[in-house]
Amino acid sequence: MELQIQKQGGRTVHVQPEFSQVGDNRIIGSTQWRDAEGTRQERYQVLTLRDGKIIDMQGCTSRREAERFARRH
């Protein structure tokens, strides 16, 4: 992600990814960074795994939404 931002002429961005396992086959991934104005941005994804491969990815706007989605599906 950092490389793509730099290629488009953006300033260097420090991205902080985190991952936590929810259940046997779900992982919640979160990414945090600051935009050009210094505002903190966050994105969450729920990854569903099967046989060591990602079979589904759902984007969520908050950690709470990601946790609800991971437990529901």
Protein backbone atom coordinates (compact mmCIF):
# COMPACT_ATOMS: atom_id res chain seq x y z
CA MET A 1 0.00 0.00 0.00
CA GLU A 2 2.80 2.40 0.89
CA LEU A 3 4.47 1.78 -2.48
CA GLN A 4 1.25 2.51 -4.40
CA ILE A 5 0.77 5.80 -2.55
CA GLN A 6 4.36 6.83 -3.30
CA LYS A 7 3.94 5.91 -7.00
CA GLN A 8 0.98 8.29 -7.20
CA GLY A 9 3.04 11.13 -5.79
CA GLY A 10 1.78 10.95 -2.22
CA ARG A 11 3.96 11.52 0.78
CA THR A 12 5.35 8.60 2.73
CA VAL A 13 2.64 7.01 4.82
CA HIS A 14 3.18 4.75 7.80
CA VAL A 15 0.58 1.98 7.66
CA GLN A 16 -0.12 -0.07 10.78
CA PRO A 17 -1.84 -3.40 10.01
CA GLU A 18 -3.14 -5.69 12.75
CA PHE A 19 -4.77 -9.11 12.58
CA SER A 20 -6.80 -11.11 15.08
CA GLN A 21 -8.34 -14.54 14.66
CA VAL A 22 -12.06 -14.89 15.35
CA GLY A 23 -13.17 -18.51 15.38
CA ASP A 24 -11.58 -21.30 13.39
CA ASN A 25 -11.75 -19.78 9.93
CA ARG A 26 -12.14 -15.99 10.29
CA ILE A 27 -9.58 -13.23 10.70
CA ILE A 28 -10.26 -9.55 11.29
CA GLY A 29 -7.64 -7.35 9.69
CA SER A 30 -7.37 -3.65 10.46
CA THR A 31 -5.27 -0.96 8.88
CA GLN A 32 -4.61 2.50 10.32
CA TRP A 33 -2.85 5.47 8.77
CA ARG A 34 -2.97 9.26 8.62
CA ASP A 35 -4.04 11.02 5.44
CA ALA A 36 -2.38 14.11 3.94
CA GLU A 37 -4.22 16.39 6.38
CA GLY A 38 -3.12 14.30 9.37
CA THR A 39 -6.55 12.75 9.99
CA ARG A 40 -6.42 9.19 11.26
CA GLN A 41 -8.02 6.67 8.91
CA GLU A 42 -9.03 3.09 9.74
CA ARG A 43 -10.36 0.22 7.66
CA TYR A 44 -11.42 -3.25 8.75
CA GLN A 45 -11.74 -6.46 6.75
CA VAL A 46 -13.14 -9.84 7.72
CA LEU A 47 -11.32 -12.65 5.91
CA THR A 48 -12.87 -16.11 5.66
CA LEU A 49 -10.39 -18.93 5.12
CA ARG A 50 -10.77 -22.44 3.79
CA ASP A 51 -7.89 -24.85 3.21
CA GLY A 52 -5.39 -22.05 3.89
CA LYS A 53 -6.85 -19.73 1.22
CA ILE A 54 -8.97 -16.61 1.45
CA ILE A 55 -12.39 -17.43 0.06
CA ASP A 56 -14.21 -14.24 1.09
CA MET A 57 -13.32 -10.71 2.21
CA GLN A 58 -15.84 -8.26 3.66
CA GLY A 59 -14.98 -4.61 4.25
CA CYS A 60 -16.35 -2.94 7.39
CA THR A 61 -16.27 0.65 8.64
CA SER A 62 -15.69 -0.16 12.32
CA ARG A 63 -14.22 -2.85 14.54
CA ARG A 64 -17.63 -3.48 16.07
CA GLU A 65 -19.18 -4.02 12.63
CA ALA A 66 -16.34 -6.41 11.68
CA GLU A 67 -16.78 -8.41 14.89
CA ARG A 68 -20.55 -8.69 14.36
CA PHE A 69 -20.05 -9.81 10.77
CA ALA A 70 -17.40 -12.39 11.74
CA ARG A 71 -19.61 -13.95 14.40
CA ARG A 72 -22.78 -13.88 12.31
CA HIS A 73 -21.44 -15.60 9.19
